[in-house]
Amino acid sequence: MAALAPSGEQFEIALGDQRAVVVEVGGGLRTYSAADRDVLDGYGVAVICPFGRGQVLSPWPNRVQDGRYEFDGQRHQLPLDEPARANAIHGLVRWSPWTAAEHEAHRIVMQHTLHPRPGYPFALALRIEYSLSPNGLEVRNTATNVGEAPAPYGTGAHPYLLTGTELVDSAALHCPARTVLHADERAIPTADVQVAGTEYDFTRRRQIGAMTLDHCFTDLERDADGRAQVELRGPDGAVTVWMDEAYPYVMLFTGDTLPDGARRSIAVEPMTCPPNALRTGRDLIRLEPGEWASSTWGITPPA
């Protein structure tokens, strides 16, 4: 019997020179390549997914301070799975098995039911569609409240992008955000600051240099289709992460603390709400029983 991959069953989709692998564990994106070049800084099939690479962050992205929050007058305590900072982090589905509901050559639909549990006594039916087109990869998330009570919800994604450079320092970044959320030593936001005139202003493309990024950005400028686009440009061309209007926030992380490749790639994380939203309620989605919410993001590879 073949050994079980840590990320479970592997599901490949392909179109032309594009290839992507979606995994059973967490329903995440393990690899994505185009024209025989890796677009994502993914991980091997024999490896436990490290540092959130390609993972789905539901029913909240990023952190919850002390894992404690209140919703509709009830207090809840989540497991503290970032013990060094005493935070709950990145939701509840990253290590859960997902099912392939539909699978075609160029697309796959993964689904998972999040059952009520201590800390999050709500029920959600989660669905993610990954599809390839000539324009790149598109990822559509849908959450439906299948419980009997209203549920708090947010979601995010955690792709790390390669720039074609040994380090991200020499890559150029364009992020159309007018505001950055400064955070404390526990990565909990403390203040909204306008980026104009600061080192966090990437509204015009410029080199990342030695700058350390582990920051959430918002007030995103959008194109005529309502998409915000974060572009990374290196010697192989530009790779773009785009997000629809359901994602008002994006986290940028240069990976300085990662032991498996500091500053080798940059995480560009679309988020429907900011860090600590379960606790603060900021842009947290309230799903009534039977209601659903959807959000779509994608990657345009270098031409």
C-alpha atoms as a PDB file:
ATOM      1  CA  MET A   1       0.000   0.000   0.000  1.00  0.00           C
ATOM      2  CA  ALA A   2       1.332   3.420  -0.938  1.00  0.00           C
ATOM      3  CA  ALA A   3       2.097   5.808   1.921  1.00  0.00           C
ATOM      4  CA  LEU A   4      -0.538   8.425   2.652  1.00  0.00           C
ATOM      5  CA  ALA A   5       0.534  11.928   1.655  1.00  0.00           C
ATOM      6  CA  PRO A   6       0.360  14.376   4.609  1.00  0.00           C
ATOM      7  CA  SER A   7      -1.922  16.600   2.516  1.00  0.00           C
ATOM      8  CA  GLY A   8      -4.134  13.651   1.559  1.00  0.00           C
ATOM      9  CA  GLU A   9      -5.432  12.981  -1.926  1.00  0.00           C
ATOM     10  CA  GLN A  10      -3.974  15.141  -4.690  1.00  0.00           C
ATOM     11  CA  PHE A  11      -6.215  16.655  -7.388  1.00  0.00           C
ATOM     12  CA  GLU A  12      -4.562  18.074 -10.484  1.00  0.00           C
ATOM     13  CA  ILE A  13      -6.162  20.512 -12.888  1.00  0.00           C
ATOM     14  CA  ALA A  14      -4.562  21.699 -16.112  1.00  0.00           C
ATOM     15  CA  LEU A  15      -5.154  23.953 -19.087  1.00  0.00           C
ATOM     16  CA  GLY A  16      -2.553  24.556 -21.780  1.00  0.00           C
ATOM     17  CA  ASP A  17       0.749  25.175 -20.001  1.00  0.00           C
ATOM     18  CA  GLN A  18      -0.900  25.784 -16.613  1.00  0.00           C
ATOM     19  CA  ARG A  19      -0.932  23.173 -13.848  1.00  0.00           C
ATOM     20  CA  ALA A  20      -2.310  23.318 -10.320  1.00  0.00           C
ATOM     21  CA  VAL A  21      -2.628  20.771  -7.529  1.00  0.00           C
ATOM     22  CA  VAL A  22      -5.396  21.066  -4.921  1.00  0.00           C
ATOM     23  CA  VAL A  23      -5.253  18.864  -1.823  1.00  0.00           C
ATOM     24  CA  GLU A  24      -7.734  16.976   0.317  1.00  0.00           C
ATOM     25  CA  VAL A  25      -6.383  18.263   3.648  1.00  0.00           C
ATOM     26  CA  GLY A  26      -7.610  21.818   4.069  1.00  0.00           C
ATOM     27  CA  GLY A  27      -8.867  22.040   0.473  1.00  0.00           C
ATOM     28  CA  GLY A  28      -5.855  24.234  -0.273  1.00  0.00           C
ATOM     29  CA  LEU A  29      -3.638  24.934  -3.247  1.00  0.00           C
ATOM     30  CA  ARG A  30      -0.332  23.031  -3.073  1.00  0.00           C
ATOM     31  CA  THR A  31       1.195  24.091  -6.402  1.00  0.00           C
ATOM     32  CA  TYR A  32       0.490  26.326  -9.383  1.00  0.00           C
ATOM     33  CA  SER A  33       2.738  26.701 -12.421  1.00  0.00           C
ATOM     34  CA  ALA A  34       2.544  28.246 -15.887  1.00  0.00           C
ATOM     35  CA  ALA A  35       4.881  27.831 -18.855  1.00  0.00           C
ATOM     36  CA  ASP A  36       6.980  25.355 -16.802  1.00  0.00           C
ATOM     37  CA  ARG A  37       7.639  27.993 -14.134  1.00  0.00           C
ATOM     38  CA  ASP A  38       6.395  27.819 -10.553  1.00  0.00           C
ATOM     39  CA  VAL A  39       4.105  30.736  -9.817  1.00  0.00           C
ATOM     40  CA  LEU A  40       3.497  29.672  -6.226  1.00  0.00           C
ATOM     41  CA  ASP A  41       6.087  28.869  -3.595  1.00  0.00           C
ATOM     42  CA  GLY A  42       4.261  25.680  -2.647  1.00  0.00           C
ATOM     43  CA  TYR A  43       5.391  22.509  -0.915  1.00  0.00           C
ATOM     44  CA  GLY A  44       6.198  18.898  -1.699  1.00  0.00           C
ATOM     45  CA  VAL A  45       3.745  16.037  -1.698  1.00  0.00           C
ATOM     46  CA  ALA A  46       5.578  14.357   1.200  1.00  0.00           C
ATOM     47  CA  VAL A  47       5.541  17.507   3.364  1.00  0.00           C
ATOM     48  CA  ILE A  48       3.065  18.729   5.973  1.00  0.00           C
ATOM     49  CA  CYS A  49       1.883  22.102   4.692  1.00  0.00           C
ATOM     50  CA  PRO A  50       4.255  24.663   6.238  1.00  0.00           C
ATOM     51  CA  PHE A  51       3.345  28.199   7.315  1.00  0.00           C
ATOM     52  CA  GLY A  52      -0.091  28.283   5.722  1.00  0.00           C
ATOM     53  CA  ARG A  53       1.162  27.806   2.162  1.00  0.00           C
ATOM     54  CA  GLY A  54      -1.883  27.870  -0.121  1.00  0.00           C
ATOM     55  CA  GLN A  55      -4.303  27.216   2.725  1.00  0.00           C
ATOM     56  CA  VAL A  56      -7.946  28.257   3.088  1.00  0.00           C
ATOM     57  CA  LEU A  57      -8.559  30.547   6.080  1.00  0.00           C
ATOM     58  CA  SER A  58     -12.155  30.053   7.230  1.00  0.00           C
ATOM     59  CA  PRO A  59     -14.295  30.941   9.125  1.00  0.00           C
ATOM     60  CA  TRP A  60     -11.872  33.768   9.879  1.00  0.00           C
ATOM     61  CA  PRO A  61      -8.512  34.829   8.441  1.00  0.00           C
ATOM     62  CA  ASN A  62      -5.462  35.807  10.459  1.00  0.00           C
ATOM     63  CA  ARG A  63      -5.675  36.144  14.253  1.00  0.00           C
ATOM     64  CA  VAL A  64      -8.120  36.421  17.153  1.00  0.00           C
ATOM     65  CA  GLN A  65      -6.581  37.980  20.252  1.00  0.00           C
ATOM     66  CA  ASP A  66      -6.588  35.512  23.170  1.00  0.00           C
ATOM     67  CA  GLY A  67      -8.957  33.384  21.061  1.00  0.00           C
ATOM     68  CA  ARG A  68     -11.848  35.139  22.806  1.00  0.00           C
ATOM     69  CA  TYR A  69     -14.788  36.901  21.204  1.00  0.00           C
ATOM     70  CA  GLU A  70     -18.440  37.693  21.796  1.00  0.00           C
ATOM     71  CA  PHE A  71     -21.248  37.200  19.296  1.00  0.00           C
ATOM     72  CA  ASP A  72     -24.906  37.950  19.912  1.00  0.00           C
ATOM     73  CA  GLY A  73     -24.260  38.276  23.638  1.00  0.00           C
ATOM     74  CA  GLN A  74     -22.527  34.904  23.964  1.00  0.00           C
ATOM     75  CA  ARG A  75     -18.840  34.580  24.838  1.00  0.00           C
ATOM     76  CA  HIS A  76     -16.686  32.038  23.057  1.00  0.00           C
ATOM     77  CA  GLN A  77     -13.164  30.682  23.545  1.00  0.00           C
ATOM     78  CA  LEU A  78     -11.201  29.272  20.599  1.00  0.00           C
ATOM     79  CA  PRO A  79      -8.127  27.034  20.867  1.00  0.00           C
ATOM     80  CA  LEU A  80      -4.897  29.041  21.014  1.00  0.00           C
ATOM     81  CA  ASP A  81      -3.048  27.517  18.079  1.00  0.00           C
ATOM     82  CA  GLU A  82      -0.516  30.347  17.997  1.00  0.00           C
ATOM     83  CA  PRO A  83       0.616  29.768  21.598  1.00  0.00           C
ATOM     84  CA  ALA A  84       3.685  32.031  21.481  1.00  0.00           C
ATOM     85  CA  ARG A  85       1.366  35.009  20.933  1.00  0.00           C
ATOM     86  CA  ALA A  86      -1.688  33.566  22.706  1.00  0.00           C
ATOM     87  CA  ASN A  87      -3.824  33.906  19.568  1.00  0.00           C
ATOM     88  CA  ALA A  88      -6.201  31.727  17.593  1.00  0.00           C
ATOM     89  CA  ILE A  89      -5.061  31.813  13.987  1.00  0.00           C
ATOM     90  CA  HIS A  90      -6.361  31.230  10.464  1.00  0.00           C
ATOM     91  CA  GLY A  91      -9.686  29.542  11.121  1.00  0.00           C
ATOM     92  CA  LEU A  92     -10.736  25.951  11.688  1.00  0.00           C
ATOM     93  CA  VAL A  93     -10.524  24.097   8.373  1.00  0.00           C
ATOM     94  CA  ARG A  94      -6.828  24.058   7.440  1.00  0.00           C
ATOM     95  CA  TRP A  95      -6.299  20.496   8.681  1.00  0.00           C
ATOM     96  CA  SER A  96      -9.754  19.084   7.965  1.00  0.00           C
ATOM     97  CA  PRO A  97     -10.521  16.705   5.076  1.00  0.00           C
ATOM     98  CA  TRP A  98     -12.343  18.215   2.112  1.00  0.00           C
ATOM     99  CA  THR A  99     -14.231  16.320  -0.593  1.00  0.00           C
ATOM    100  CA  ALA A 100     -13.974  16.751  -4.348  1.00  0.00           C
ATOM    101  CA  ALA A 101     -17.589  17.358  -5.361  1.00  0.00           C
ATOM    102  CA  GLU A 102     -16.797  18.043  -9.035  1.00  0.00           C
ATOM    103  CA  HIS A 103     -13.604  17.453 -11.004  1.00  0.00           C
ATOM    104  CA  GLU A 104     -12.968  18.283 -14.635  1.00  0.00           C
ATOM    105  CA  ALA A 105      -9.698  18.684 -16.495  1.00  0.00           C
ATOM    106  CA  HIS A 106      -9.486  22.443 -15.847  1.00  0.00           C
ATOM    107  CA  ARG A 107     -11.534  22.872 -12.647  1.00  0.00           C
ATOM    108  CA  ILE A 108     -12.339  21.286  -9.326  1.00  0.00           C
ATOM    109  CA  VAL A 109     -14.885  22.010  -6.609  1.00  0.00           C
ATOM    110  CA  MET A 110     -13.924  21.157  -3.030  1.00  0.00           C
ATOM    111  CA  GLN A 111     -16.455  21.108  -0.225  1.00  0.00           C
ATOM    112  CA  HIS A 112     -16.456  20.748   3.546  1.00  0.00           C
ATOM    113  CA  THR A 113     -19.059  20.966   6.302  1.00  0.00           C
ATOM    114  CA  LEU A 114     -17.864  22.819   9.363  1.00  0.00           C
ATOM    115  CA  HIS A 115     -19.840  21.379  12.261  1.00  0.00           C
ATOM    116  CA  PRO A 116     -20.486  23.262  15.510  1.00  0.00           C
ATOM    117  CA  ARG A 117     -17.784  22.903  18.148  1.00  0.00           C
ATOM    118  CA  PRO A 118     -16.623  24.580  21.356  1.00  0.00           C
ATOM    119  CA  GLY A 119     -15.496  28.087  20.488  1.00  0.00           C
ATOM    120  CA  TYR A 120     -17.435  28.166  17.218  1.00  0.00           C
ATOM    121  CA  PRO A 121     -20.900  26.633  17.773  1.00  0.00           C
ATOM    122  CA  PHE A 122     -22.079  27.390  14.232  1.00  0.00           C
ATOM    123  CA  ALA A 123     -22.563  25.263  11.109  1.00  0.00           C
ATOM    124  CA  LEU A 124     -21.275  26.231   7.671  1.00  0.00           C
ATOM    125  CA  ALA A 125     -21.258  24.458   4.320  1.00  0.00           C
ATOM    126  CA  LEU A 126     -18.052  25.571   2.580  1.00  0.00           C
ATOM    127  CA  ARG A 127     -17.410  25.312  -1.147  1.00  0.00           C
ATOM    128  CA  ILE A 128     -14.337  26.328  -3.146  1.00  0.00           C
ATOM    129  CA  GLU A 129     -14.089  26.220  -6.929  1.00  0.00           C
ATOM    130  CA  TYR A 130     -10.636  26.342  -8.497  1.00  0.00           C
ATOM    131  CA  SER A 131     -10.659  26.880 -12.249  1.00  0.00           C
ATOM    132  CA  LEU A 132      -8.079  27.603 -14.945  1.00  0.00           C
ATOM    133  CA  SER A 133      -8.677  29.814 -17.966  1.00  0.00           C
ATOM    134  CA  PRO A 134      -6.374  31.502 -20.493  1.00  0.00           C
ATOM    135  CA  ASN A 135      -6.270  34.401 -17.994  1.00  0.00           C
ATOM    136  CA  GLY A 136      -4.939  32.271 -15.141  1.00  0.00           C
ATOM    137  CA  LEU A 137      -6.326  30.765 -11.946  1.00  0.00           C
ATOM    138  CA  GLU A 138      -9.657  31.766 -10.386  1.00  0.00           C
ATOM    139  CA  VAL A 139     -10.752  30.756  -6.871  1.00  0.00           C
ATOM    140  CA  ARG A 140     -14.376  31.224  -5.787  1.00  0.00           C
ATOM    141  CA  ASN A 141     -15.309  30.677  -2.121  1.00  0.00           C
ATOM    142  CA  THR A 142     -18.882  30.184  -0.917  1.00  0.00           C
ATOM    143  CA  ALA A 143     -20.087  29.741   2.669  1.00  0.00           C
ATOM    144  CA  THR A 144     -23.686  28.887   3.548  1.00  0.00           C
ATOM    145  CA  ASN A 145     -25.082  28.954   7.068  1.00  0.00           C
ATOM    146  CA  VAL A 146     -26.668  25.522   7.494  1.00  0.00           C
ATOM    147  CA  GLY A 147     -27.295  25.960  11.210  1.00  0.00           C
ATOM    148  CA  GLU A 148     -30.226  27.280  13.201  1.00  0.00           C
ATOM    149  CA  ALA A 149     -28.596  30.477  14.479  1.00  0.00           C
ATOM    150  CA  PRO A 150     -26.754  33.415  12.888  1.00  0.00           C
ATOM    151  CA  ALA A 151     -23.039  32.784  12.354  1.00  0.00           C
ATOM    152  CA  PRO A 152     -19.994  35.092  12.218  1.00  0.00           C
ATOM    153  CA  TYR A 153     -17.884  34.525   9.124  1.00  0.00           C
ATOM    154  CA  GLY A 154     -14.816  35.717   7.308  1.00  0.00           C
ATOM    155  CA  THR A 155     -12.388  34.068   4.937  1.00  0.00           C
ATOM    156  CA  GLY A 156      -8.992  34.489   3.367  1.00  0.00           C
ATOM    157  CA  ALA A 157      -6.353  32.756   1.279  1.00  0.00           C
ATOM    158  CA  HIS A 158      -2.621  32.308   1.839  1.00  0.00           C
ATOM    159  CA  PRO A 159      -0.688  31.934  -1.443  1.00  0.00           C
ATOM    160  CA  TYR A 160       3.047  32.667  -1.479  1.00  0.00           C
ATOM    161  CA  LEU A 161       4.192  34.072  -4.812  1.00  0.00           C
ATOM    162  CA  LEU A 162       7.585  33.631  -6.412  1.00  0.00           C
ATOM    163  CA  THR A 163       9.099  36.603  -8.195  1.00  0.00           C
ATOM    164  CA  GLY A 164      11.821  34.960 -10.297  1.00  0.00           C
ATOM    165  CA  THR A 165      14.467  36.377  -7.964  1.00  0.00           C
ATOM    166  CA  GLU A 166      16.488  34.637  -5.252  1.00  0.00           C
ATOM    167  CA  LEU A 167      15.008  37.029  -2.682  1.00  0.00           C
ATOM    168  CA  VAL A 168      11.987  39.287  -2.883  1.00  0.00           C
ATOM    169  CA  ASP A 169      14.218  42.316  -2.235  1.00  0.00           C
ATOM    170  CA  SER A 170      14.910  42.942  -5.914  1.00  0.00           C
ATOM    171  CA  ALA A 171      11.302  42.446  -7.024  1.00  0.00           C
ATOM    172  CA  ALA A 172       9.007  45.418  -7.615  1.00  0.00           C
ATOM    173  CA  LEU A 173       5.666  45.599  -5.807  1.00  0.00           C
ATOM    174  CA  HIS A 174       2.491  47.477  -6.634  1.00  0.00           C
ATOM    175  CA  CYS A 175      -0.267  47.389  -4.017  1.00  0.00           C
ATOM    176  CA  PRO A 176      -3.184  49.802  -4.585  1.00  0.00           C
ATOM    177  CA  ALA A 177      -3.850  50.341  -0.863  1.00  0.00           C
ATOM    178  CA  ARG A 178      -4.180  53.761   0.732  1.00  0.00           C
ATOM    179  CA  THR A 179      -4.216  52.532   4.342  1.00  0.00           C
ATOM    180  CA  VAL A 180      -2.054  50.151   6.362  1.00  0.00           C
ATOM    181  CA  LEU A 181      -3.029  48.622   9.704  1.00  0.00           C
ATOM    182  CA  HIS A 182      -0.198  48.911  12.208  1.00  0.00           C
ATOM    183  CA  ALA A 183      -0.080  46.076  14.730  1.00  0.00           C
ATOM    184  CA  ASP A 184       1.443  45.257  18.102  1.00  0.00           C
ATOM    185  CA  GLU A 185       3.955  42.529  18.948  1.00  0.00           C
ATOM    186  CA  ARG A 186       1.139  39.963  18.876  1.00  0.00           C
ATOM    187  CA  ALA A 187       0.198  40.976  15.293  1.00  0.00           C
ATOM    188  CA  ILE A 188      -3.087  42.500  16.490  1.00  0.00           C
ATOM    189  CA  PRO A 189      -4.017  45.769  14.708  1.00  0.00           C
ATOM    190  CA  THR A 190      -3.738  48.917  16.785  1.00  0.00           C
ATOM    191  CA  ALA A 191      -4.168  51.771  14.293  1.00  0.00           C
ATOM    192  CA  ASP A 192      -5.108  52.617  10.698  1.00  0.00           C
ATOM    193  CA  VAL A 193      -2.476  54.807   9.036  1.00  0.00           C
ATOM    194  CA  GLN A 194      -2.551  56.466   5.627  1.00  0.00           C
ATOM    195  CA  VAL A 195       0.328  55.128   3.511  1.00  0.00           C
ATOM    196  CA  ALA A 196       0.973  58.401   1.651  1.00  0.00           C
ATOM    197  CA  GLY A 197       4.448  59.651   2.465  1.00  0.00           C
ATOM    198  CA  THR A 198       5.440  56.482   4.341  1.00  0.00           C
ATOM    199  CA  GLU A 199       7.521  53.433   3.516  1.00  0.00           C
ATOM    200  CA  TYR A 200       4.271  51.447   3.152  1.00  0.00           C
ATOM    201  CA  ASP A 201       3.184  53.356   0.061  1.00  0.00           C
ATOM    202  CA  PHE A 202       3.238  50.936  -2.873  1.00  0.00           C
ATOM    203  CA  THR A 203       0.504  52.706  -4.827  1.00  0.00           C
ATOM    204  CA  ARG A 204       3.240  53.281  -7.401  1.00  0.00           C
ATOM    205  CA  ARG A 205       5.312  50.250  -8.261  1.00  0.00           C
ATOM    206  CA  ARG A 206       8.682  50.214  -6.516  1.00  0.00           C
ATOM    207  CA  GLN A 207      11.316  47.768  -5.361  1.00  0.00           C
ATOM    208  CA  ILE A 208      10.682  46.000  -2.059  1.00  0.00           C
ATOM    209  CA  GLY A 209      14.312  46.253  -0.983  1.00  0.00           C
ATOM    210  CA  ALA A 210      15.114  45.202   2.581  1.00  0.00           C
ATOM    211  CA  MET A 211      11.681  46.211   3.872  1.00  0.00           C
ATOM    212  CA  THR A 212       9.981  43.738   6.204  1.00  0.00           C
ATOM    213  CA  LEU A 213       6.294  43.281   5.450  1.00  0.00           C
ATOM    214  CA  ASP A 214       3.838  41.496   7.724  1.00  0.00           C
ATOM    215  CA  HIS A 215       1.038  44.024   7.413  1.00  0.00           C
ATOM    216  CA  CYS A 216      -2.625  44.241   6.497  1.00  0.00           C
ATOM    217  CA  PHE A 217      -3.608  46.857   3.902  1.00  0.00           C
ATOM    218  CA  THR A 218      -7.017  48.286   3.022  1.00  0.00           C
ATOM    219  CA  ASP A 219      -8.763  51.143   1.167  1.00  0.00           C
ATOM    220  CA  LEU A 220      -7.930  49.358  -2.056  1.00  0.00           C
ATOM    221  CA  GLU A 221      -8.249  51.147  -5.378  1.00  0.00           C
ATOM    222  CA  ARG A 222     -10.126  49.031  -7.923  1.00  0.00           C
ATOM    223  CA  ASP A 223     -10.461  48.777 -11.678  1.00  0.00           C
ATOM    224  CA  ALA A 224     -13.653  49.130 -13.696  1.00  0.00           C
ATOM    225  CA  ASP A 225     -14.556  45.512 -12.894  1.00  0.00           C
ATOM    226  CA  GLY A 226     -14.280  46.133  -9.149  1.00  0.00           C
ATOM    227  CA  ARG A 227     -11.036  44.210  -8.808  1.00  0.00           C
ATOM    228  CA  ALA A 228      -8.062  45.238  -6.707  1.00  0.00           C
ATOM    229  CA  GLN A 229      -4.770  43.988  -8.129  1.00  0.00           C
ATOM    230  CA  VAL A 230      -1.477  43.413  -6.327  1.00  0.00           C
ATOM    231  CA  GLU A 231       1.384  43.022  -8.798  1.00  0.00           C
ATOM    232  CA  LEU A 232       4.848  41.579  -8.273  1.00  0.00           C
ATOM    233  CA  ARG A 233       7.338  42.148 -11.059  1.00  0.00           C
ATOM    234  CA  GLY A 234      10.615  40.278 -11.504  1.00  0.00           C
ATOM    235  CA  PRO A 235      12.866  39.181 -14.353  1.00  0.00           C
ATOM    236  CA  ASP A 236      10.248  36.646 -15.540  1.00  0.00           C
ATOM    237  CA  GLY A 237       7.573  39.324 -15.812  1.00  0.00           C
ATOM    238  CA  ALA A 238       4.667  40.298 -13.576  1.00  0.00           C
ATOM    239  CA  VAL A 239       2.427  38.013 -11.527  1.00  0.00           C
ATOM    240  CA  THR A 240      -0.811  39.521 -10.239  1.00  0.00           C
ATOM    241  CA  VAL A 241      -3.127  38.541  -7.411  1.00  0.00           C
ATOM    242  CA  TRP A 242      -6.560  40.066  -7.957  1.00  0.00           C
ATOM    243  CA  MET A 243      -9.541  40.112  -5.631  1.00  0.00           C
ATOM    244  CA  ASP A 244     -13.160  41.121  -6.022  1.00  0.00           C
ATOM    245  CA  GLU A 245     -15.034  43.613  -3.844  1.00  0.00           C
ATOM    246  CA  ALA A 246     -15.790  40.945  -1.230  1.00  0.00           C
ATOM    247  CA  TYR A 247     -12.123  41.281  -0.232  1.00  0.00           C
ATOM    248  CA  PRO A 248     -11.522  44.771   1.240  1.00  0.00           C
ATOM    249  CA  TYR A 249      -8.209  43.702   2.822  1.00  0.00           C
ATOM    250  CA  VAL A 250      -4.937  42.141   1.735  1.00  0.00           C
ATOM    251  CA  MET A 251      -2.098  40.895   3.935  1.00  0.00           C
ATOM    252  CA  LEU A 252       1.471  41.161   2.627  1.00  0.00           C
ATOM    253  CA  PHE A 253       4.133  38.976   4.267  1.00  0.00           C
ATOM    254  CA  THR A 254       7.760  38.807   3.134  1.00  0.00           C
ATOM    255  CA  GLY A 255       8.383  35.688   5.192  1.00  0.00           C
ATOM    256  CA  ASP A 256      11.335  37.017   7.176  1.00  0.00           C
ATOM    257  CA  THR A 257      10.635  34.643  10.078  1.00  0.00           C
ATOM    258  CA  LEU A 258      10.252  31.486   7.989  1.00  0.00           C
ATOM    259  CA  PRO A 259      12.970  28.875   8.575  1.00  0.00           C
ATOM    260  CA  ASP A 260      12.202  27.161   5.255  1.00  0.00           C
ATOM    261  CA  GLY A 261      13.032  30.149   3.045  1.00  0.00           C
ATOM    262  CA  ALA A 262      13.017  33.625   4.520  1.00  0.00           C
ATOM    263  CA  ARG A 263      12.236  36.312   1.896  1.00  0.00           C
ATOM    264  CA  ARG A 264      12.203  33.690  -0.859  1.00  0.00           C
ATOM    265  CA  SER A 265       8.629  34.605  -1.740  1.00  0.00           C
ATOM    266  CA  ILE A 266       5.889  36.949  -0.611  1.00  0.00           C
ATOM    267  CA  ALA A 267       2.470  35.962   0.703  1.00  0.00           C
ATOM    268  CA  VAL A 268      -0.336  38.012  -0.836  1.00  0.00           C
ATOM    269  CA  GLU A 269      -3.419  37.153   1.202  1.00  0.00           C
ATOM    270  CA  PRO A 270      -6.895  38.371   0.167  1.00  0.00           C
ATOM    271  CA  MET A 271      -9.118  38.732   3.258  1.00  0.00           C
ATOM    272  CA  THR A 272     -12.779  39.620   3.708  1.00  0.00           C
ATOM    273  CA  CYS A 273     -12.045  41.126   7.130  1.00  0.00           C
ATOM    274  CA  PRO A 274      -8.966  42.320   9.012  1.00  0.00           C
ATOM    275  CA  PRO A 275      -7.070  40.495  11.767  1.00  0.00           C
ATOM    276  CA  ASN A 276      -9.011  40.192  15.035  1.00  0.00           C
ATOM    277  CA  ALA A 277     -12.368  40.719  13.299  1.00  0.00           C
ATOM    278  CA  LEU A 278     -14.151  38.037  15.324  1.00  0.00           C
ATOM    279  CA  ARG A 279     -13.321  40.090  18.401  1.00  0.00           C
ATOM    280  CA  THR A 280     -13.800  43.609  17.030  1.00  0.00           C
ATOM    281  CA  GLY A 281     -16.616  42.873  14.572  1.00  0.00           C
ATOM    282  CA  ARG A 282     -14.915  44.997  11.899  1.00  0.00           C
ATOM    283  CA  ASP A 283     -16.266  43.954   8.489  1.00  0.00           C
ATOM    284  CA  LEU A 284     -17.254  40.591   9.931  1.00  0.00           C
ATOM    285  CA  ILE A 285     -19.980  38.935   7.859  1.00  0.00           C
ATOM    286  CA  ARG A 286     -23.139  37.924   9.682  1.00  0.00           C
ATOM    287  CA  LEU A 287     -24.800  34.953   8.029  1.00  0.00           C
ATOM    288  CA  GLU A 288     -28.389  34.327   8.977  1.00  0.00           C
ATOM    289  CA  PRO A 289     -29.651  30.719   8.743  1.00  0.00           C
ATOM    290  CA  GLY A 290     -29.827  29.780   5.075  1.00  0.00           C
ATOM    291  CA  GLU A 291     -27.833  32.820   3.933  1.00  0.00           C
ATOM    292  CA  TRP A 292     -24.634  32.527   1.946  1.00  0.00           C
ATOM    293  CA  ALA A 293     -21.658  34.696   1.063  1.00  0.00           C
ATOM    294  CA  SER A 294     -19.215  34.359  -1.815  1.00  0.00           C
ATOM    295  CA  SER A 295     -15.877  35.903  -2.687  1.00  0.00           C
ATOM    296  CA  THR A 296     -13.528  35.453  -5.631  1.00  0.00           C
ATOM    297  CA  TRP A 297      -9.821  36.007  -6.108  1.00  0.00           C
ATOM    298  CA  GLY A 298      -7.289  34.786  -8.628  1.00  0.00           C
ATOM    299  CA  ILE A 299      -3.759  34.783  -9.997  1.00  0.00           C
ATOM    300  CA  THR A 300      -2.647  36.045 -13.388  1.00  0.00           C
ATOM    301  CA  PRO A 301       0.741  34.462 -14.184  1.00  0.00           C
ATOM    302  CA  PRO A 302       3.551  36.154 -16.093  1.00  0.00           C
ATOM    303  CA  ALA A 303       2.766  36.382 -19.797  1.00  0.00           C
END
